Amino acid sequence: MEFLFLLVGVVLILEGMPYVVFPESMRDWLRKLSEMKTEHMRMVGLFSMSIGLIICWLVKRSNYF
């Protein structure tokens, strides 16, 4: 359970960083994101989830980490 909370904390840190460092760029990016078609957003989300799953699988299966 401790690891889960640490992981959530790291994700929140990484998610918040662009808003602190580049607030104007993030506002423009969010505006473009709101104008994106739903189908395109789903494909981007599916791609991101797939890459994350592959990374998690590789880390669990390899002896490098």
PDB file of N, CA and C in Angstrom:
ATOM      1  N   MET A   1       0.826  -1.191   0.000  1.00  0.00           N
ATOM      2  CA  MET A   1       0.000   0.000   0.000  1.00  0.00           C
ATOM      3  C   MET A   1       0.870   1.254   0.000  1.00  0.00           C
ATOM      4  N   GLU A   2       1.996   1.186   0.712  1.00  0.00           N
ATOM      5  CA  GLU A   2       2.912   2.325   0.750  1.00  0.00           C
ATOM      6  C   GLU A   2       3.427   2.644  -0.647  1.00  0.00           C
ATOM      7  N   PHE A   3       3.771   1.601  -1.405  1.00  0.00           N
ATOM      8  CA  PHE A   3       4.277   1.792  -2.764  1.00  0.00           C
ATOM      9  C   PHE A   3       3.229   2.459  -3.645  1.00  0.00           C
ATOM     10  N   LEU A   4       1.966   2.080  -3.479  1.00  0.00           N
ATOM     11  CA  LEU A   4       0.891   2.678  -4.270  1.00  0.00           C
ATOM     12  C   LEU A   4       0.782   4.177  -3.999  1.00  0.00           C
ATOM     13  N   PHE A   5       0.851   4.555  -2.740  1.00  0.00           N
ATOM     14  CA  PHE A   5       0.765   5.984  -2.407  1.00  0.00           C
ATOM     15  C   PHE A   5       1.979   6.751  -2.916  1.00  0.00           C
ATOM     16  N   LEU A   6       3.161   6.141  -2.836  1.00  0.00           N
ATOM     17  CA  LEU A   6       4.353   6.781  -3.391  1.00  0.00           C
ATOM     18  C   LEU A   6       4.218   6.966  -4.895  1.00  0.00           C
ATOM     19  N   LEU A   7       3.691   5.966  -5.564  1.00  0.00           N
ATOM     20  CA  LEU A   7       3.496   6.037  -7.008  1.00  0.00           C
ATOM     21  C   LEU A   7       2.513   7.142  -7.383  1.00  0.00           C
ATOM     22  N   VAL A   8       1.426   7.245  -6.656  1.00  0.00           N
ATOM     23  CA  VAL A   8       0.445   8.307  -6.919  1.00  0.00           C
ATOM     24  C   VAL A   8       1.087   9.678  -6.690  1.00  0.00           C
ATOM     25  N   GLY A   9       1.889   9.799  -5.652  1.00  0.00           N
ATOM     26  CA  GLY A   9       2.578  11.062  -5.390  1.00  0.00           C
ATOM     27  C   GLY A   9       3.522  11.449  -6.510  1.00  0.00           C
ATOM     28  N   VAL A  10       4.286  10.493  -7.019  1.00  0.00           N
ATOM     29  CA  VAL A  10       5.215  10.773  -8.118  1.00  0.00           C
ATOM     30  C   VAL A  10       4.442  11.172  -9.370  1.00  0.00           C
ATOM     31  N   VAL A  11       3.349  10.491  -9.647  1.00  0.00           N
ATOM     32  CA  VAL A  11       2.538  10.836 -10.822  1.00  0.00           C
ATOM     33  C   VAL A  11       2.009  12.261 -10.700  1.00  0.00           C
ATOM     34  N   LEU A  12       1.532  12.631  -9.531  1.00  0.00           N
ATOM     35  CA  LEU A  12       1.021  13.998  -9.340  1.00  0.00           C
ATOM     36  C   LEU A  12       2.124  15.038  -9.501  1.00  0.00           C
ATOM     37  N   ILE A  13       3.332  14.727  -9.022  1.00  0.00           N
ATOM     38  CA  ILE A  13       4.456  15.646  -9.200  1.00  0.00           C
ATOM     39  C   ILE A  13       4.752  15.824 -10.682  1.00  0.00           C
ATOM     40  N   LEU A  14       4.843  14.724 -11.409  1.00  0.00           N
ATOM     41  CA  LEU A  14       5.161  14.798 -12.834  1.00  0.00           C
ATOM     42  C   LEU A  14       4.048  15.466 -13.634  1.00  0.00           C
ATOM     43  N   GLU A  15       2.797  15.227 -13.252  1.00  0.00           N
ATOM     44  CA  GLU A  15       1.677  15.855 -13.952  1.00  0.00           C
ATOM     45  C   GLU A  15       1.612  17.360 -13.692  1.00  0.00           C
ATOM     46  N   GLY A  16       2.014  17.787 -12.509  1.00  0.00           N
ATOM     47  CA  GLY A  16       1.928  19.202 -12.164  1.00  0.00           C
ATOM     48  C   GLY A  16       3.078  20.046 -12.660  1.00  0.00           C
ATOM     49  N   MET A  17       4.198  19.421 -12.962  1.00  0.00           N
ATOM     50  CA  MET A  17       5.396  20.156 -13.372  1.00  0.00           C
ATOM     51  C   MET A  17       5.190  21.067 -14.590  1.00  0.00           C
ATOM     52  N   PRO A  18       4.574  20.593 -15.664  1.00  0.00           N
ATOM     53  CA  PRO A  18       4.411  21.484 -16.827  1.00  0.00           C
ATOM     54  C   PRO A  18       3.578  22.730 -16.526  1.00  0.00           C
ATOM     55  N   TYR A  19       2.605  22.615 -15.619  1.00  0.00           N
ATOM     56  CA  TYR A  19       1.774  23.766 -15.285  1.00  0.00           C
ATOM     57  C   TYR A  19       2.563  24.823 -14.520  1.00  0.00           C
ATOM     58  N   VAL A  20       3.562  24.400 -13.771  1.00  0.00           N
ATOM     59  CA  VAL A  20       4.393  25.344 -13.012  1.00  0.00           C
ATOM     60  C   VAL A  20       5.450  25.967 -13.919  1.00  0.00           C
ATOM     61  N   VAL A  21       6.069  25.156 -14.766  1.00  0.00           N
ATOM     62  CA  VAL A  21       7.189  25.616 -15.580  1.00  0.00           C
ATOM     63  C   VAL A  21       6.722  26.365 -16.830  1.00  0.00           C
ATOM     64  N   PHE A  22       5.650  25.885 -17.485  1.00  0.00           N
ATOM     65  CA  PHE A  22       5.182  26.474 -18.745  1.00  0.00           C
ATOM     66  C   PHE A  22       3.672  26.741 -18.699  1.00  0.00           C
ATOM     67  N   PRO A  23       3.195  27.636 -17.839  1.00  0.00           N
ATOM     68  CA  PRO A  23       1.742  27.819 -17.721  1.00  0.00           C
ATOM     69  C   PRO A  23       1.070  28.332 -18.998  1.00  0.00           C
ATOM     70  N   GLU A  24       1.718  29.234 -19.727  1.00  0.00           N
ATOM     71  CA  GLU A  24       1.103  29.761 -20.945  1.00  0.00           C
ATOM     72  C   GLU A  24       1.011  28.683 -22.027  1.00  0.00           C
ATOM     73  N   SER A  25       2.072  27.917 -22.168  1.00  0.00           N
ATOM     74  CA  SER A  25       2.066  26.836 -23.153  1.00  0.00           C
ATOM     75  C   SER A  25       1.028  25.778 -22.806  1.00  0.00           C
ATOM     76  N   MET A  26       0.872  25.489 -21.525  1.00  0.00           N
ATOM     77  CA  MET A  26      -0.123  24.505 -21.112  1.00  0.00           C
ATOM     78  C   MET A  26      -1.536  24.997 -21.408  1.00  0.00           C
ATOM     79  N   ARG A  27      -1.773  26.284 -21.236  1.00  0.00           N
ATOM     80  CA  ARG A  27      -3.098  26.836 -21.539  1.00  0.00           C
ATOM     81  C   ARG A  27      -3.396  26.670 -23.030  1.00  0.00           C
ATOM     82  N   ASP A  28      -2.416  26.968 -23.882  1.00  0.00           N
ATOM     83  CA  ASP A  28      -2.603  26.787 -25.322  1.00  0.00           C
ATOM     84  C   ASP A  28      -2.808  25.320 -25.676  1.00  0.00           C
ATOM     85  N   TRP A  29      -2.026  24.434 -25.039  1.00  0.00           N
ATOM     86  CA  TRP A  29      -2.133  23.004 -25.310  1.00  0.00           C
ATOM     87  C   TRP A  29      -3.501  22.473 -24.889  1.00  0.00           C
ATOM     88  N   LEU A  30      -4.002  22.925 -23.742  1.00  0.00           N
ATOM     89  CA  LEU A  30      -5.317  22.483 -23.274  1.00  0.00           C
ATOM     90  C   LEU A  30      -6.429  22.998 -24.194  1.00  0.00           C
ATOM     91  N   ARG A  31      -6.246  24.200 -24.739  1.00  0.00           N
ATOM     92  CA  ARG A  31      -7.235  24.727 -25.684  1.00  0.00           C
ATOM     93  C   ARG A  31      -7.272  23.855 -26.935  1.00  0.00           C
ATOM     94  N   LYS A  32      -6.101  23.488 -27.454  1.00  0.00           N
ATOM     95  CA  LYS A  32      -6.036  22.605 -28.625  1.00  0.00           C
ATOM     96  C   LYS A  32      -6.622  21.231 -28.311  1.00  0.00           C
ATOM     97  N   LEU A  33      -6.368  20.743 -27.111  1.00  0.00           N
ATOM     98  CA  LEU A  33      -6.885  19.441 -26.703  1.00  0.00           C
ATOM     99  C   LEU A  33      -8.414  19.451 -26.654  1.00  0.00           C
ATOM    100  N   SER A  34      -8.996  20.558 -26.200  1.00  0.00           N
ATOM    101  CA  SER A  34     -10.460  20.635 -26.127  1.00  0.00           C
ATOM    102  C   SER A  34     -11.103  20.691 -27.508  1.00  0.00           C
ATOM    103  N   GLU A  35     -10.335  21.084 -28.528  1.00  0.00           N
ATOM    104  CA  GLU A  35     -10.863  21.142 -29.893  1.00  0.00           C
ATOM    105  C   GLU A  35     -10.619  19.848 -30.674  1.00  0.00           C
ATOM    106  N   MET A  36      -9.914  18.898 -30.070  1.00  0.00           N
ATOM    107  CA  MET A  36      -9.574  17.648 -30.745  1.00  0.00           C
ATOM    108  C   MET A  36     -10.810  16.751 -30.854  1.00  0.00           C
ATOM    109  N   LYS A  37     -10.897  15.988 -31.941  1.00  0.00           N
ATOM    110  CA  LYS A  37     -12.011  15.066 -32.128  1.00  0.00           C
ATOM    111  C   LYS A  37     -11.939  13.945 -31.101  1.00  0.00           C
ATOM    112  N   THR A  38     -13.112  13.448 -30.703  1.00  0.00           N
ATOM    113  CA  THR A  38     -13.200  12.396 -29.693  1.00  0.00           C
ATOM    114  C   THR A  38     -12.469  11.135 -30.126  1.00  0.00           C
ATOM    115  N   GLU A  39     -12.619  10.749 -31.388  1.00  0.00           N
ATOM    116  CA  GLU A  39     -11.976   9.524 -31.875  1.00  0.00           C
ATOM    117  C   GLU A  39     -10.450   9.635 -31.783  1.00  0.00           C
ATOM    118  N   HIS A  40      -9.933  10.816 -32.097  1.00  0.00           N
ATOM    119  CA  HIS A  40      -8.492  11.025 -32.035  1.00  0.00           C
ATOM    120  C   HIS A  40      -8.002  10.960 -30.587  1.00  0.00           C
ATOM    121  N   MET A  41      -8.762  11.547 -29.672  1.00  0.00           N
ATOM    122  CA  MET A  41      -8.388  11.502 -28.260  1.00  0.00           C
ATOM    123  C   MET A  41      -8.374  10.062 -27.744  1.00  0.00           C
ATOM    124  N   ARG A  42      -9.351   9.273 -28.180  1.00  0.00           N
ATOM    125  CA  ARG A  42      -9.380   7.869 -27.760  1.00  0.00           C
ATOM    126  C   ARG A  42      -8.170   7.111 -28.272  1.00  0.00           C
ATOM    127  N   MET A  43      -7.768   7.370 -29.496  1.00  0.00           N
ATOM    128  CA  MET A  43      -6.607   6.690 -30.060  1.00  0.00           C
ATOM    129  C   MET A  43      -5.326   7.092 -29.324  1.00  0.00           C
ATOM    130  N   VAL A  44      -5.191   8.364 -28.995  1.00  0.00           N
ATOM    131  CA  VAL A  44      -4.025   8.827 -28.244  1.00  0.00           C
ATOM    132  C   VAL A  44      -4.012   8.185 -26.851  1.00  0.00           C
ATOM    133  N   GLY A  45      -5.160   8.118 -26.200  1.00  0.00           N
ATOM    134  CA  GLY A  45      -5.260   7.483 -24.894  1.00  0.00           C
ATOM    135  C   GLY A  45      -4.935   6.007 -24.936  1.00  0.00           C
ATOM    136  N   LEU A  46      -5.434   5.321 -25.965  1.00  0.00           N
ATOM    137  CA  LEU A  46      -5.147   3.893 -26.124  1.00  0.00           C
ATOM    138  C   LEU A  46      -3.661   3.663 -26.369  1.00  0.00           C
ATOM    139  N   PHE A  47      -3.053   4.509 -27.177  1.00  0.00           N
ATOM    140  CA  PHE A  47      -1.626   4.405 -27.445  1.00  0.00           C
ATOM    141  C   PHE A  47      -0.820   4.625 -26.168  1.00  0.00           C
ATOM    142  N   SER A  48      -1.187   5.643 -25.394  1.00  0.00           N
ATOM    143  CA  SER A  48      -0.480   5.932 -24.144  1.00  0.00           C
ATOM    144  C   SER A  48      -0.615   4.784 -23.152  1.00  0.00           C
ATOM    145  N   MET A  49      -1.812   4.239 -23.032  1.00  0.00           N
ATOM    146  CA  MET A  49      -2.021   3.111 -22.130  1.00  0.00           C
ATOM    147  C   MET A  49      -1.213   1.905 -22.576  1.00  0.00           C
ATOM    148  N   SER A  50      -1.156   1.657 -23.875  1.00  0.00           N
ATOM    149  CA  SER A  50      -0.405   0.519 -24.402  1.00  0.00           C
ATOM    150  C   SER A  50       1.086   0.661 -24.111  1.00  0.00           C
ATOM    151  N   ILE A  51       1.627   1.852 -24.332  1.00  0.00           N
ATOM    152  CA  ILE A  51       3.041   2.093 -24.048  1.00  0.00           C
ATOM    153  C   ILE A  51       3.315   1.909 -22.556  1.00  0.00           C
ATOM    154  N   GLY A  52       2.436   2.424 -21.704  1.00  0.00           N
ATOM    155  CA  GLY A  52       2.595   2.252 -20.261  1.00  0.00           C
ATOM    156  C   GLY A  52       2.553   0.793 -19.849  1.00  0.00           C
ATOM    157  N   LEU A  53       1.652   0.026 -20.443  1.00  0.00           N
ATOM    158  CA  LEU A  53       1.561  -1.398 -20.139  1.00  0.00           C
ATOM    159  C   LEU A  53       2.822  -2.141 -20.575  1.00  0.00           C
ATOM    160  N   ILE A  54       3.325  -1.802 -21.739  1.00  0.00           N
ATOM    161  CA  ILE A  54       4.553  -2.437 -22.234  1.00  0.00           C
ATOM    162  C   ILE A  54       5.733  -2.103 -21.318  1.00  0.00           C
ATOM    163  N   ILE A  55       5.839  -0.853 -20.900  1.00  0.00           N
ATOM    164  CA  ILE A  55       6.923  -0.454 -19.998  1.00  0.00           C
ATOM    165  C   ILE A  55       6.823  -1.218 -18.676  1.00  0.00           C
ATOM    166  N   CYS A  56       5.626  -1.289 -18.101  1.00  0.00           N
ATOM    167  CA  CYS A  56       5.442  -2.021 -16.843  1.00  0.00           C
ATOM    168  C   CYS A  56       5.796  -3.494 -17.020  1.00  0.00           C
ATOM    169  N   TRP A  57       5.376  -4.095 -18.104  1.00  0.00           N
ATOM    170  CA  TRP A  57       5.669  -5.503 -18.360  1.00  0.00           C
ATOM    171  C   TRP A  57       7.168  -5.730 -18.505  1.00  0.00           C
ATOM    172  N   LEU A  58       7.834  -4.849 -19.261  1.00  0.00           N
ATOM    173  CA  LEU A  58       9.270  -4.987 -19.447  1.00  0.00           C
ATOM    174  C   LEU A  58      10.033  -4.836 -18.132  1.00  0.00           C
ATOM    175  N   VAL A  59       9.625  -3.893 -17.306  1.00  0.00           N
ATOM    176  CA  VAL A  59      10.302  -3.679 -16.028  1.00  0.00           C
ATOM    177  C   VAL A  59      10.120  -4.891 -15.115  1.00  0.00           C
ATOM    178  N   LYS A  60       8.915  -5.449 -15.078  1.00  0.00           N
ATOM    179  CA  LYS A  60       8.663  -6.605 -14.231  1.00  0.00           C
ATOM    180  C   LYS A  60       9.395  -7.855 -14.728  1.00  0.00           C
ATOM    181  N   ARG A  61       9.565  -8.002 -16.041  1.00  0.00           N
ATOM    182  CA  ARG A  61      10.147  -9.214 -16.611  1.00  0.00           C
ATOM    183  C   ARG A  61      11.679  -9.163 -16.749  1.00  0.00           C
ATOM    184  N   SER A  62      12.247  -7.987 -16.716  1.00  0.00           N
ATOM    185  CA  SER A  62      13.687  -7.888 -16.938  1.00  0.00           C
ATOM    186  C   SER A  62      14.436  -7.817 -15.608  1.00  0.00           C
ATOM    187  N   ASN A  63      15.711  -8.042 -15.670  1.00  0.00           N
ATOM    188  CA  ASN A  63      16.555  -7.974 -14.481  1.00  0.00           C
ATOM    189  C   ASN A  63      17.369  -6.688 -14.462  1.00  0.00           C
ATOM    190  N   TYR A  64      17.061  -5.753 -15.338  1.00  0.00           N
ATOM    191  CA  TYR A  64      17.826  -4.518 -15.430  1.00  0.00           C
ATOM    192  C   TYR A  64      17.434  -3.498 -14.379  1.00  0.00           C
ATOM    193  N   PHE A  65      16.251  -3.619 -13.797  1.00  0.00           N
ATOM    194  CA  PHE A  65      15.767  -2.612 -12.868  1.00  0.00           C
ATOM    195  C   PHE A  65      15.692  -3.157 -11.475  1.00  0.00           C
TER     196      PHE A  65
END
